Structures are given as structure tokens and as C-alpha cells.
Amino acid sequence: MLDRPRAGDWKIVCAYTGKALIGVGALHALPLATALACAEWASLVDFLAGLGATMAAGCAMALLGKTERKPSWMHGMVTGGISWLAVMVMAAIPYWLSGHYLSYLDAMFDVMSGFTTTGLTLVQDLDHLSVSLNMWRHLLTFVGGQGVIVLALSFLVKDSAGGYKLYVGEGKDERLFPSVFHTAKAIWKISLVYLGVGAAALWLAGLSIGLGPARAFLHGLWIYMAAWSTGGFAPMSQNILYYHSGLYEALTLVFFIVGSFNFALHHAVWSGNRREIYRNIETVSFATTMSLLALLGCRGLQRLGVYPDAVSLFRKGFYHLASAHTTTGYMTLYPRQLALEWGDLALLAMIAAMLVGGSACSTAGGFKGLRVGIIWKAVVQDTRRLLKPSSAVFTQGFHYHGERSLGEQQLRSAALIVIMYVAMFALIAMAGTACGYPFLDAAFEAASVTGNVGLSIGVTSAAMPAPLKLVYILGMWAGRLEFMAVLATIAFVAAALRGKRR
């Protein structure tokens, strides 16, 4: 049982949560500049209020928590859990003031959905949002893909040992360099370089379908931000269907698949190690599960005759399965079409794809290909052990940025996270069913929430019950942080309350 936290423990958590808030406060500069450039004076006031409140809260927490102590693993986990809740509350201020949300809970829902790169939304009249508010929505998604703590580590945290504990607390453990600060900056460098290339490509694609230069640029920038972060937000309510463009769909397909890969894999390829692409257990796992689930889903659609030709099947069937598997959430059809046209087999393939997800230490959610690969390797190892003489000795290895041996600890960790994802999926699906939604609809939406995907079958709306909105917020939060930080936060707070009752 966790010891009761002392004042010094709360100070450390408070200090680093304050720094995360300061980092998010600084992000208001971009929508503020956008509001100025577009003469959106009401939005300018909204973002000034958000900037002031977030900076004030962040600075107050950083000052109140000022201490010479270094964070431990426990502090890193708890800071990760609490920081995401704190930034959700503060970053929702411009949303709420805009008048496009029916309640502050809805505004916080969209912030959590953006930061966790989920992409579900409760916004009202999306097609008429201001340019600066759309900039804020997509900026939160882009930053969330890299991580709130990664943002703070890049600019505000200087302690190396403590920095790594905070980094791990956000559900990451991959170091591109020995220094966690160099790792954080490398992640931003990779993302920003791709941002320039991707936004330019989508800008040209927008021009080709008749969008004006400024509008094509903004839509290209926003769509790329969400595609790279596998976030699924779009500036129009019809999502990618709005563009009616095969080129737009092809580009987003490439970008969100690339965005779902591990940052360490991108760094390896940039460093000249291109063999890592086909040797890495995650890319092999992704290619295998993507192929199997795409075949299963497309077979289900083919049997129903939903899409009459191969091009339609690719643009509707494969595109959505890839969007689900990479946990992006981009759509080229209306949500209720999934429920009314796709049939059980294709929907089950989509649910499985959303739960499996992309790569570890990437912008994607879900179980992650690494864990699926490790569990499969363990199954193969145990099967071989059963078929060989009891005296035979062998080891099972896998390639993941170098050759590694499969150990019991790796298998236990992978299996534990997968079990927790499945358990959370089941609980969220039951919550949806308890609120009156059909089971398959509730299960589909639960998989989307659990895997931080953003595809919707029509359940997510401002009209759904407030308790279900809270369940979805907690599900997105826990899924993005991969449970450990969430469990540590709950244990930390419970220990503090237990101590107070005494």
C-alpha cells in the first residue's frame, strides 16, 4: 500500500504540473496571432482570457511547488496523470467562451479528445468556427501527439534524471538519445519537418480541387496536423468526405500511416538505417494485422454488395480500416452509414483494428504493435516448447531497434496492458449500453474511445448523457497514458485521503 504523500511530494507534482500548464499557456500565442491576422476580435478576447488564466494557474503552481527535490518514478507517473487533467480544464476556456459548446463539460471533452489525439467532438456548428478556434483545435491535437510532458521537457525542465521520469510518466519510454531533452527536441524536429512537407502537399491538393489559396493552406495545415498526430479532427463537419478528392484521401492515408510509426523508427530511417522498416517487430506486426483485418472487413462489405467496384471498396473500406488501425479517425462517409450499411463482420474488423492500434512511442493509441508482436512471439515460443523434447533449450528473440531476447518481464508487461485495454473497452461498452445505445454501437464507440481513435458510429454527440461523456473523458485519458500513470495518480490521491481521514 502506498504511503501517505507528504507535503514535499505534493510540491514536486505541483511544480511540474505548473510547468506543463505554462507550456500549454504559451501555445495560446498561435491562435492569438491568427485572431489578430483575421480580425477575429471576439476570439482574440477569448484567447487572451485563456492565456491569462492558464499562465496564472501554471505560474502559481510552479511557485507553490518550488523545491530542490528531484522527482521519483512515482512523482513522474502522478505528474503525468494530473497534468493531463489540469491542461484539459484550462485549455477548455477559449472553447467555452466561443459559444460553440453547450456546457463546460463538452468543452473539456473536446480538449481531452484533442490532446489524446482521439478526434471525437461535441462542438456545435463546426462548419462556422472561427479560423483561430480551428487553429486551437488542431494545435492541441498536434501537440498532444508529441505529448504535453514532451512540450514541457523541451523548454521548461532542465533536470535530466527527473526529466526522464516525467517522460515515462506520459506513457513513453523510448530514448532517441541518451539525454531525454535531446530526445524531446528530436521528436519535435521530426514532427515539424514532416509538418512542412505534409502541409505543402495538402495545400497543393486543396488548390487542385478549387479551394482558394488561403483556405487551401489552412485546411492543408489543419488536416495534416491531425493526420500526423492520428487525431482525426477536421475543419468541416463532413470530415474528409467534404473534399470529395481521391488525392486528398491518398495523401491523408500516407500521412496517418507514417504518423502511427514509432518516433525511434523515424529517427532510424533519418539516420540511414532503412532496413529497420521491414525488420522491426512493430512494422511487421502492423503489416500483418492490417492485412488480415482489411481482408476480413472488405470481405464483409463485398458480401453485402455495399461498394460495387474495387476503387470504391478501397476508398471506403480500406481507408476506414486503415484509419481505425492507425487510430486516426478520419472518415469519408457519414457515421450512421457504418451502422446501417457495413454489417457485423466489417464492424467487428473495425473494432479489432481500433483496439490493436499503431506503434508504441508514437502518436497512435491502442494495444500497440509491439505488444501484439511480443505476445505472438510468446505463443510461438510456448508452442515450440510443447513440440520439442523436454531437454531442448532455446530462446525466442525479436528485432526492435536491435536484437532482443524475449523475457518473462516483457511478456508480463505486454499482456498486462492488453488485458487492461480489453477490460476498459468492456466497461465503456457496458456504460454505453446502460445509457440505452445498441450493444454493437456502444462497443464500436467504446473501441474508438479506448484506442484514442475518433471514428464514430453516431453515439458521440452533445445530446448523449453527461455520465457517458465523463466515462469517455476518463477512457481517453487512461488509454492515452496507458494506465500506469492513471493508476499511480488514483493510488496517490487515495493514500492522501486515507491519511486525512485518520
Protein backbone atom coordinates (compact mmCIF):
# COMPACT_ATOMS: atom_id res chain seq x y z
CA MET A 1 0.00 0.00 0.00
CA LEU A 2 1.29 3.46 -0.92
CA ASP A 3 2.49 5.61 1.98
CA ARG A 4 0.61 8.80 2.64
CA PRO A 5 2.11 11.54 0.39
CA ARG A 6 3.96 14.24 2.28
CA ALA A 7 3.97 17.95 1.58
CA GLY A 8 7.22 17.57 -0.37
CA ASP A 9 5.60 15.02 -2.70
CA TRP A 10 2.72 17.36 -3.43
CA LYS A 11 5.19 20.18 -4.07
CA ILE A 12 7.03 18.21 -6.75
CA VAL A 13 3.81 17.22 -8.50
CA CYS A 14 2.51 20.79 -8.22
CA ALA A 15 5.72 22.30 -9.61
CA TYR A 16 5.90 20.12 -12.71
CA THR A 17 2.17 20.29 -13.37
CA GLY A 18 2.58 24.08 -13.26
CA LYS A 19 5.31 23.85 -15.89
CA ALA A 20 3.05 21.76 -18.12
CA LEU A 21 0.36 24.45 -17.76
CA ILE A 22 2.86 27.19 -18.62
CA GLY A 23 3.79 25.25 -21.76
CA VAL A 24 0.14 24.99 -22.79
CA GLY A 25 -0.39 28.65 -21.92
CA ALA A 26 2.41 29.60 -24.31
CA LEU A 27 0.58 27.72 -27.08
CA HIS A 28 -2.15 30.38 -26.98
CA ALA A 29 0.26 32.63 -28.91
CA LEU A 30 -0.55 30.92 -32.24
CA PRO A 31 -4.36 31.26 -32.12
CA LEU A 32 -3.91 34.78 -30.73
CA ALA A 33 -1.77 35.71 -33.74
CA THR A 34 -4.32 34.04 -36.02
CA ALA A 35 -7.17 36.01 -34.44
CA LEU A 36 -5.23 39.24 -34.95
CA ALA A 37 -4.42 38.42 -38.57
CA CYS A 38 -8.04 37.51 -39.34
CA ALA A 39 -9.54 40.39 -37.30
CA GLU A 40 -11.50 37.95 -35.13
CA TRP A 41 -11.83 40.26 -32.15
CA ALA A 42 -14.24 38.15 -30.11
CA SER A 43 -11.91 35.16 -30.42
CA LEU A 44 -8.97 37.39 -29.54
CA VAL A 45 -10.63 38.21 -26.21
CA ASP A 46 -11.42 34.53 -25.63
CA PHE A 47 -7.79 33.51 -26.14
CA LEU A 48 -6.47 36.37 -24.03
CA ALA A 49 -8.70 35.13 -21.20
CA GLY A 50 -7.47 31.57 -21.73
CA LEU A 51 -3.84 32.69 -21.88
CA GLY A 52 -4.14 34.77 -18.71
CA ALA A 53 -5.92 32.09 -16.70
CA THR A 54 -3.62 29.26 -17.81
CA MET A 55 -0.43 31.23 -17.23
CA ALA A 56 -1.65 32.44 -13.85
CA ALA A 57 -2.53 28.91 -12.75
CA GLY A 58 0.74 27.50 -14.11
CA CYS A 59 2.95 30.14 -12.50
CA ALA A 60 1.11 29.86 -9.19
CA MET A 61 1.53 26.08 -9.12
CA ALA A 62 5.19 26.28 -10.15
CA LEU A 63 5.91 28.83 -7.38
CA LEU A 64 3.91 26.99 -4.71
CA GLY A 65 5.67 23.75 -5.58
CA LYS A 66 9.17 25.17 -5.82
CA THR A 67 11.56 22.64 -4.31
CA GLU A 68 15.11 21.33 -4.66
CA ARG A 69 13.96 17.69 -4.53
CA LYS A 70 14.17 15.63 -7.71
CA PRO A 71 11.09 13.73 -8.92
CA SER A 72 10.97 9.96 -8.36
CA TRP A 73 9.24 7.42 -10.59
CA MET A 74 6.11 7.87 -8.51
CA HIS A 75 6.22 11.65 -8.95
CA GLY A 76 6.70 11.27 -12.69
CA MET A 77 3.67 9.00 -13.02
CA VAL A 78 1.42 11.16 -10.85
CA THR A 79 2.54 14.35 -12.61
CA GLY A 80 1.70 12.72 -15.95
CA GLY A 81 -1.79 11.82 -14.76
CA ILE A 82 -2.62 15.12 -13.06
CA SER A 83 -1.06 17.34 -15.75
CA TRP A 84 -3.37 15.99 -18.44
CA LEU A 85 -6.43 16.71 -16.29
CA ALA A 86 -5.17 20.19 -15.41
CA VAL A 87 -4.48 21.20 -19.01
CA MET A 88 -7.88 19.82 -20.03
CA VAL A 89 -9.61 22.17 -17.60
CA MET A 90 -7.60 25.26 -18.57
CA ALA A 91 -7.38 24.74 -22.34
CA ALA A 92 -11.18 24.49 -22.48
CA ILE A 93 -11.61 28.18 -21.60
CA PRO A 94 -11.44 29.51 -25.22
CA TYR A 95 -13.76 26.69 -26.33
CA TRP A 96 -16.37 27.58 -23.71
CA LEU A 97 -16.17 31.32 -24.30
CA SER A 98 -16.62 30.83 -28.06
CA GLY A 99 -20.27 29.82 -27.61
CA HIS A 100 -19.84 26.67 -29.71
CA TYR A 101 -20.29 24.31 -26.75
CA LEU A 102 -23.45 23.60 -24.76
CA SER A 103 -21.56 23.12 -21.48
CA TYR A 104 -18.10 23.38 -19.98
CA LEU A 105 -18.09 19.58 -19.79
CA ASP A 106 -18.48 19.45 -23.58
CA ALA A 107 -15.57 21.89 -23.97
CA MET A 108 -13.37 19.76 -21.69
CA PHE A 109 -14.43 16.66 -23.64
CA ASP A 110 -13.11 18.20 -26.86
CA VAL A 111 -9.85 19.29 -25.21
CA MET A 112 -9.22 15.79 -23.88
CA SER A 113 -10.18 14.35 -27.26
CA GLY A 114 -7.70 16.68 -28.94
CA PHE A 115 -4.80 16.20 -26.53
CA THR A 116 -5.21 12.41 -26.57
CA THR A 117 -5.40 12.52 -30.40
CA THR A 118 -8.80 10.83 -30.29
CA GLY A 119 -10.83 13.14 -32.54
CA LEU A 120 -14.36 12.68 -31.19
CA THR A 121 -16.09 16.05 -30.89
CA LEU A 122 -19.09 17.70 -29.26
CA VAL A 123 -18.64 21.09 -30.96
CA GLN A 124 -21.72 22.90 -32.27
CA ASP A 125 -21.84 24.34 -35.81
CA LEU A 126 -18.34 23.14 -36.72
CA ASP A 127 -18.63 24.48 -40.27
CA HIS A 128 -18.75 28.06 -38.97
CA LEU A 129 -15.96 28.05 -36.39
CA SER A 130 -13.58 30.97 -36.44
CA VAL A 131 -10.18 30.43 -38.05
CA SER A 132 -8.41 30.98 -34.72
CA LEU A 133 -10.59 28.45 -32.88
CA ASN A 134 -9.94 25.88 -35.58
CA MET A 135 -6.24 26.66 -35.22
CA TRP A 136 -6.53 25.96 -31.48
CA ARG A 137 -8.36 22.64 -32.04
CA HIS A 138 -5.74 21.31 -34.40
CA LEU A 139 -2.81 22.72 -32.47
CA LEU A 140 -3.95 20.84 -29.36
CA THR A 141 -4.14 17.65 -31.40
CA PHE A 142 -0.68 18.19 -32.90
CA VAL A 143 0.89 18.94 -29.51
CA GLY A 144 -0.97 16.06 -27.88
CA GLY A 145 0.56 13.66 -30.39
CA GLN A 146 4.04 14.57 -29.20
CA GLY A 147 2.91 14.84 -25.57
CA VAL A 148 2.17 17.56 -23.02
CA ILE A 149 5.16 16.50 -20.92
CA VAL A 150 7.37 16.39 -24.02
CA LEU A 151 6.39 20.02 -24.60
CA ALA A 152 7.43 20.96 -21.05
CA LEU A 153 10.63 18.92 -21.26
CA SER A 154 11.64 20.68 -24.46
CA PHE A 155 11.63 24.16 -22.95
CA LEU A 156 10.95 24.27 -19.21
CA VAL A 157 12.55 21.27 -17.45
CA LYS A 158 16.32 21.09 -17.14
CA ASP A 159 16.91 18.20 -14.72
CA SER A 160 17.91 15.15 -16.78
CA ALA A 161 17.21 12.38 -14.27
CA GLY A 162 13.90 13.87 -13.21
CA GLY A 163 13.02 14.67 -16.82
CA TYR A 164 13.19 11.02 -17.84
CA LYS A 165 10.83 10.03 -15.01
CA LEU A 166 8.33 12.64 -16.25
CA TYR A 167 8.78 11.39 -19.82
CA VAL A 168 7.98 7.81 -18.82
CA GLY A 169 5.01 9.05 -16.80
CA GLU A 170 3.37 10.16 -20.06
CA GLY A 171 3.40 6.63 -21.45
CA LYS A 172 6.72 6.89 -23.33
CA ASP A 173 9.97 5.07 -22.69
CA GLU A 174 11.87 5.34 -25.98
CA ARG A 175 15.08 7.35 -25.93
CA LEU A 176 16.43 8.53 -29.28
CA PHE A 177 19.46 9.98 -27.46
CA PRO A 178 20.97 9.38 -24.01
CA SER A 179 19.58 12.75 -22.93
CA VAL A 180 15.81 12.94 -22.53
CA PHE A 181 15.94 16.62 -23.53
CA HIS A 182 17.66 15.80 -26.81
CA THR A 183 15.05 13.07 -27.30
CA ALA A 184 12.19 15.52 -26.74
CA LYS A 185 13.71 18.03 -29.15
CA ALA A 186 14.33 15.30 -31.74
CA ILE A 187 10.66 14.32 -31.55
CA TRP A 188 9.69 17.93 -32.23
CA LYS A 189 12.21 18.21 -35.06
CA ILE A 190 10.84 15.09 -36.77
CA SER A 191 7.25 16.32 -36.38
CA LEU A 192 7.96 19.85 -37.63
CA VAL A 193 9.88 18.69 -40.71
CA TYR A 194 7.05 16.37 -41.67
CA LEU A 195 4.59 19.20 -40.93
CA GLY A 196 6.23 21.40 -43.55
CA VAL A 197 6.21 18.67 -46.20
CA GLY A 198 2.71 17.41 -45.41
CA ALA A 199 1.03 20.81 -45.19
CA ALA A 200 2.60 21.83 -48.52
CA ALA A 201 1.36 18.65 -50.22
CA LEU A 202 -2.18 19.09 -48.90
CA TRP A 203 -2.13 22.79 -49.81
CA LEU A 204 -1.41 21.86 -53.43
CA ALA A 205 -4.10 19.18 -53.27
CA GLY A 206 -6.55 21.79 -51.97
CA LEU A 207 -5.69 24.16 -54.81
CA SER A 208 -6.28 21.34 -57.30
CA ILE A 209 -9.87 20.85 -56.10
CA GLY A 210 -10.74 24.55 -56.24
CA LEU A 211 -10.09 25.87 -52.75
CA GLY A 212 -8.73 29.42 -52.60
CA PRO A 213 -5.00 29.81 -51.74
CA ALA A 214 -5.52 30.90 -48.11
CA ARG A 215 -8.27 28.36 -47.45
CA ALA A 216 -6.32 25.58 -49.13
CA PHE A 217 -3.30 26.39 -46.95
CA LEU A 218 -5.26 26.44 -43.69
CA HIS A 219 -7.16 23.26 -44.46
CA GLY A 220 -3.95 21.55 -45.55
CA LEU A 221 -2.19 22.62 -42.36
CA TRP A 222 -5.02 21.53 -40.08
CA ILE A 223 -5.71 18.24 -41.83
CA TYR A 224 -2.01 17.39 -41.76
CA MET A 225 -1.69 18.28 -38.06
CA ALA A 226 -4.46 15.84 -37.22
CA ALA A 227 -3.30 13.16 -39.69
CA TRP A 228 0.27 13.13 -38.39
CA SER A 229 -0.95 13.02 -34.79
CA THR A 230 -3.52 10.35 -35.75
CA GLY A 231 -6.09 12.73 -34.27
CA GLY A 232 -8.99 12.81 -36.73
CA PHE A 233 -10.09 16.44 -36.23
CA ALA A 234 -11.12 18.30 -39.38
CA PRO A 235 -12.35 21.86 -40.00
CA MET A 236 -15.61 20.70 -41.60
CA SER A 237 -18.38 18.51 -40.18
CA GLN A 238 -18.18 16.12 -43.13
CA ASN A 239 -14.56 15.37 -42.24
CA ILE A 240 -12.52 14.15 -45.25
CA LEU A 241 -15.72 13.47 -47.21
CA TYR A 242 -16.05 17.27 -47.55
CA TYR A 243 -13.22 17.37 -50.11
CA HIS A 244 -14.55 14.63 -52.42
CA SER A 245 -10.97 14.13 -53.57
CA GLY A 246 -9.13 10.88 -54.19
CA LEU A 247 -5.84 12.79 -53.98
CA TYR A 248 -6.74 14.22 -50.56
CA GLU A 249 -7.68 10.76 -49.34
CA ALA A 250 -4.47 9.20 -50.68
CA LEU A 251 -2.29 11.86 -49.06
CA THR A 252 -4.01 11.62 -45.68
CA LEU A 253 -3.76 7.81 -45.86
CA VAL A 254 0.02 8.05 -46.30
CA PHE A 255 0.41 10.69 -43.60
CA PHE A 256 -1.56 8.94 -40.89
CA ILE A 257 0.13 5.60 -41.56
CA VAL A 258 3.53 7.27 -41.32
CA GLY A 259 2.37 9.17 -38.23
CA SER A 260 1.41 5.92 -36.49
CA PHE A 261 5.02 4.67 -36.57
CA ASN A 262 7.40 4.88 -33.62
CA PHE A 263 9.49 8.07 -33.37
CA ALA A 264 12.55 5.86 -32.93
CA LEU A 265 11.77 4.25 -36.31
CA HIS A 266 11.61 7.67 -37.96
CA HIS A 267 14.93 8.58 -36.35
CA ALA A 268 16.49 5.31 -37.51
CA VAL A 269 15.36 5.89 -41.10
CA TRP A 270 16.59 9.50 -40.99
CA SER A 271 19.93 8.20 -39.74
CA GLY A 272 20.22 5.89 -42.76
CA ASN A 273 19.06 2.62 -41.21
CA ARG A 274 16.25 1.91 -43.68
CA ARG A 275 16.38 -1.84 -43.03
CA GLU A 276 14.66 -1.15 -39.71
CA ILE A 277 11.41 -0.55 -41.60
CA TYR A 278 10.95 -4.22 -42.55
CA ARG A 279 12.89 -5.83 -39.70
CA ASN A 280 11.19 -4.03 -36.80
CA ILE A 281 8.66 -6.21 -34.95
CA GLU A 282 6.15 -3.33 -34.89
CA THR A 283 6.10 -2.74 -38.64
CA VAL A 284 5.85 -6.48 -39.26
CA SER A 285 3.03 -6.74 -36.72
CA PHE A 286 1.24 -3.72 -38.20
CA ALA A 287 1.50 -5.03 -41.77
CA THR A 288 0.20 -8.44 -40.69
CA THR A 289 -2.77 -7.29 -38.63
CA MET A 290 -3.63 -4.54 -41.11
CA SER A 291 -3.68 -7.02 -44.00
CA LEU A 292 -5.76 -9.60 -42.13
CA LEU A 293 -8.29 -7.13 -40.80
CA ALA A 294 -8.56 -5.31 -44.14
CA LEU A 295 -9.26 -8.62 -45.88
CA LEU A 296 -11.85 -9.51 -43.25
CA GLY A 297 -13.54 -6.10 -43.38
CA CYS A 298 -13.53 -5.85 -47.17
CA ARG A 299 -14.88 -9.40 -47.42
CA GLY A 300 -17.78 -8.40 -45.18
CA LEU A 301 -18.51 -5.35 -47.33
CA GLN A 302 -18.20 -7.37 -50.53
CA ARG A 303 -20.69 -9.96 -49.32
CA LEU A 304 -23.24 -7.22 -48.67
CA GLY A 305 -22.52 -5.54 -52.01
CA VAL A 306 -22.07 -2.17 -50.27
CA TYR A 307 -19.41 -0.94 -52.70
CA PRO A 308 -19.69 -2.22 -56.26
CA ASP A 309 -16.10 -1.83 -57.51
CA ALA A 310 -12.51 -2.08 -56.29
CA VAL A 311 -11.96 1.70 -56.25
CA SER A 312 -15.00 2.31 -54.03
CA LEU A 313 -14.01 -0.59 -51.79
CA PHE A 314 -10.54 0.91 -51.37
CA ARG A 315 -11.73 4.50 -50.80
CA LYS A 316 -14.43 3.49 -48.31
CA GLY A 317 -13.50 0.07 -46.93
CA PHE A 318 -9.69 0.03 -46.81
CA TYR A 319 -9.43 3.74 -46.00
CA HIS A 320 -11.57 3.40 -42.89
CA LEU A 321 -9.87 0.20 -41.74
CA ALA A 322 -6.50 1.93 -42.06
CA SER A 323 -7.91 4.98 -40.28
CA ALA A 324 -9.09 2.67 -37.48
CA HIS A 325 -5.86 0.67 -37.24
CA THR A 326 -3.68 3.77 -37.06
CA THR A 327 -6.20 5.22 -34.54
CA THR A 328 -6.64 8.33 -36.74
CA GLY A 329 -10.40 8.57 -37.09
CA TYR A 330 -10.64 10.26 -40.49
CA MET A 331 -13.86 9.41 -42.33
CA THR A 332 -15.08 9.61 -45.91
CA LEU A 333 -18.68 8.70 -45.08
CA TYR A 334 -21.32 9.63 -42.51
CA PRO A 335 -21.20 7.92 -39.08
CA ARG A 336 -24.61 6.25 -39.38
CA GLN A 337 -23.59 4.65 -42.66
CA LEU A 338 -21.32 2.40 -40.61
CA ALA A 339 -24.28 1.20 -38.56
CA LEU A 340 -26.76 0.91 -41.42
CA GLU A 341 -24.59 -0.33 -44.31
CA TRP A 342 -21.44 -2.06 -43.13
CA GLY A 343 -22.79 -5.17 -41.42
CA ASP A 344 -21.47 -7.04 -38.38
CA LEU A 345 -18.35 -8.60 -39.93
CA ALA A 346 -16.90 -5.33 -41.22
CA LEU A 347 -17.74 -3.55 -37.95
CA LEU A 348 -16.07 -6.27 -35.89
CA ALA A 349 -12.95 -5.90 -38.07
CA MET A 350 -13.04 -2.15 -37.39
CA ILE A 351 -13.40 -2.70 -33.63
CA ALA A 352 -10.43 -5.08 -33.63
CA ALA A 353 -8.36 -2.63 -35.70
CA MET A 354 -9.13 0.24 -33.30
CA LEU A 355 -8.11 -1.82 -30.29
CA VAL A 356 -4.85 -3.08 -31.83
CA GLY A 357 -3.77 0.44 -32.84
CA GLY A 358 -0.39 1.69 -34.03
CA SER A 359 3.15 1.73 -32.66
CA ALA A 360 4.47 2.28 -29.15
CA CYS A 361 6.03 5.72 -28.52
CA SER A 362 4.19 7.19 -31.50
CA THR A 363 1.17 9.46 -31.83
CA ALA A 364 -1.15 6.43 -32.12
CA GLY A 365 -3.22 4.66 -29.46
CA GLY A 366 -4.44 1.10 -28.89
CA PHE A 367 -2.63 -2.03 -27.67
CA LYS A 368 0.33 -1.14 -29.92
CA GLY A 369 2.01 -3.39 -32.48
CA LEU A 370 4.98 -4.05 -30.19
CA ARG A 371 2.79 -5.74 -27.56
CA VAL A 372 0.87 -7.73 -30.16
CA GLY A 373 4.19 -8.90 -31.64
CA ILE A 374 5.62 -9.85 -28.24
CA ILE A 375 2.52 -11.86 -27.30
CA TRP A 376 2.58 -13.63 -30.66
CA LYS A 377 6.27 -14.47 -30.22
CA ALA A 378 5.49 -15.90 -26.77
CA VAL A 379 2.71 -18.07 -28.22
CA VAL A 380 5.15 -19.39 -30.86
CA GLN A 381 7.80 -20.00 -28.18
CA ASP A 382 5.45 -21.99 -25.95
CA THR A 383 4.12 -23.97 -28.91
CA ARG A 384 7.67 -24.91 -29.89
CA ARG A 385 8.43 -25.87 -26.30
CA LEU A 386 5.47 -28.25 -26.26
CA LEU A 387 6.57 -29.92 -29.50
CA LYS A 388 10.24 -30.33 -28.59
CA PRO A 389 11.82 -32.77 -26.12
CA SER A 390 11.84 -31.55 -22.51
CA SER A 391 15.65 -31.42 -22.60
CA ALA A 392 15.71 -28.97 -25.52
CA VAL A 393 16.87 -25.44 -24.71
CA PHE A 394 16.09 -22.48 -26.95
CA THR A 395 15.38 -18.77 -26.73
CA GLN A 396 12.92 -16.62 -28.64
CA GLY A 397 14.14 -13.28 -29.90
CA PHE A 398 12.75 -10.34 -31.82
CA HIS A 399 14.08 -7.26 -33.59
CA TYR A 400 13.12 -3.90 -32.11
CA HIS A 401 15.81 -1.31 -32.81
CA GLY A 402 18.32 -4.11 -32.30
CA GLU A 403 18.11 -7.79 -31.46
CA ARG A 404 16.39 -8.58 -28.17
CA SER A 405 15.58 -11.72 -26.24
CA LEU A 406 12.00 -12.36 -25.20
CA GLY A 407 11.90 -12.37 -21.41
CA GLU A 408 9.15 -13.10 -18.92
CA GLN A 409 9.04 -9.48 -17.75
CA GLN A 410 8.45 -8.17 -21.29
CA LEU A 411 5.65 -10.67 -21.84
CA ARG A 412 4.03 -9.90 -18.48
CA SER A 413 4.13 -6.16 -19.14
CA ALA A 414 2.69 -6.52 -22.65
CA ALA A 415 -0.05 -8.90 -21.52
CA LEU A 416 -0.99 -6.70 -18.55
CA ILE A 417 -1.50 -3.60 -20.72
CA VAL A 418 -3.52 -5.55 -23.29
CA ILE A 419 -5.73 -7.03 -20.55
CA MET A 420 -6.31 -3.56 -19.11
CA TYR A 421 -7.26 -2.19 -22.54
CA VAL A 422 -9.73 -5.05 -23.05
CA ALA A 423 -11.19 -4.56 -19.56
CA MET A 424 -11.62 -0.81 -20.10
CA PHE A 425 -13.18 -1.43 -23.52
CA ALA A 426 -15.69 -3.82 -21.95
CA LEU A 427 -16.57 -1.37 -19.15
CA ILE A 428 -17.05 1.55 -21.55
CA ALA A 429 -19.15 -0.61 -23.88
CA MET A 430 -21.34 -1.62 -20.94
CA ALA A 431 -21.68 2.05 -19.94
CA GLY A 432 -22.90 2.89 -23.44
CA THR A 433 -25.38 0.01 -23.39
CA ALA A 434 -26.61 1.10 -19.94
CA CYS A 435 -27.31 4.54 -21.40
CA GLY A 436 -29.66 2.96 -23.95
CA TYR A 437 -27.47 2.53 -27.05
CA PRO A 438 -27.49 -0.75 -29.06
CA PHE A 439 -24.67 -3.06 -27.98
CA LEU A 440 -22.76 -3.05 -31.28
CA ASP A 441 -22.96 0.75 -31.49
CA ALA A 442 -21.81 1.06 -27.87
CA ALA A 443 -18.97 -1.41 -28.48
CA PHE A 444 -17.82 0.43 -31.61
CA GLU A 445 -17.74 3.78 -29.80
CA ALA A 446 -16.03 2.16 -26.78
CA ALA A 447 -13.26 0.80 -29.02
CA SER A 448 -12.85 4.27 -30.52
CA VAL A 449 -12.55 5.85 -27.06
CA THR A 450 -10.29 3.12 -25.65
CA GLY A 451 -7.91 3.20 -28.62
CA ASN A 452 -7.98 7.03 -28.93
CA VAL A 453 -9.30 6.66 -32.46
CA GLY A 454 -12.14 9.13 -33.10
CA LEU A 455 -14.26 7.15 -35.54
CA SER A 456 -17.91 7.39 -34.56
CA ILE A 457 -20.94 5.30 -35.35
CA GLY A 458 -23.22 8.12 -34.20
CA VAL A 459 -23.17 7.68 -30.41
CA THR A 460 -20.91 10.64 -29.60
CA SER A 461 -22.95 13.83 -29.64
CA ALA A 462 -23.76 16.73 -27.34
CA ALA A 463 -27.10 15.02 -26.64
CA MET A 464 -25.58 11.93 -25.02
CA PRO A 465 -25.90 11.68 -21.20
CA ALA A 466 -23.38 13.63 -19.11
CA PRO A 467 -22.26 10.48 -17.21
CA LEU A 468 -21.31 8.85 -20.52
CA LYS A 469 -19.35 11.96 -21.51
CA LEU A 470 -17.40 11.64 -18.24
CA VAL A 471 -16.79 7.93 -18.89
CA TYR A 472 -15.46 8.76 -22.36
CA ILE A 473 -13.19 11.51 -20.98
CA LEU A 474 -11.71 9.12 -18.41
CA GLY A 475 -11.38 6.41 -21.06
CA MET A 476 -9.48 8.70 -23.44
CA TRP A 477 -7.23 9.85 -20.57
CA ALA A 478 -6.44 6.33 -19.35
CA GLY A 479 -5.92 4.95 -22.86
CA ARG A 480 -3.52 7.73 -23.86
CA LEU A 481 -1.40 7.37 -20.71
CA GLU A 482 -1.56 3.54 -20.91
CA PHE A 483 -2.96 3.13 -17.40
CA MET A 484 0.18 3.17 -15.26
CA ALA A 485 0.16 6.94 -14.69
CA VAL A 486 -3.59 6.84 -14.12
CA LEU A 487 -3.34 4.04 -11.56
CA ALA A 488 -0.46 5.82 -9.82
CA THR A 489 -2.50 9.04 -9.67
CA ILE A 490 -5.52 7.25 -8.21
CA ALA A 491 -3.33 5.47 -5.64
CA PHE A 492 -1.56 8.73 -4.75
CA VAL A 493 -4.81 10.63 -4.17
CA ALA A 494 -6.39 7.67 -2.31
CA ALA A 495 -3.36 7.47 0.01
CA ALA A 496 -3.63 11.19 0.72
CA LEU A 497 -7.37 10.92 1.51
CA ARG A 498 -6.80 7.85 3.66
CA GLY A 499 -4.21 9.72 5.64
CA LYS A 500 -6.55 12.69 6.15
CA ARG A 501 -9.33 10.50 7.48
CA ARG A 502 -7.01 9.26 10.18
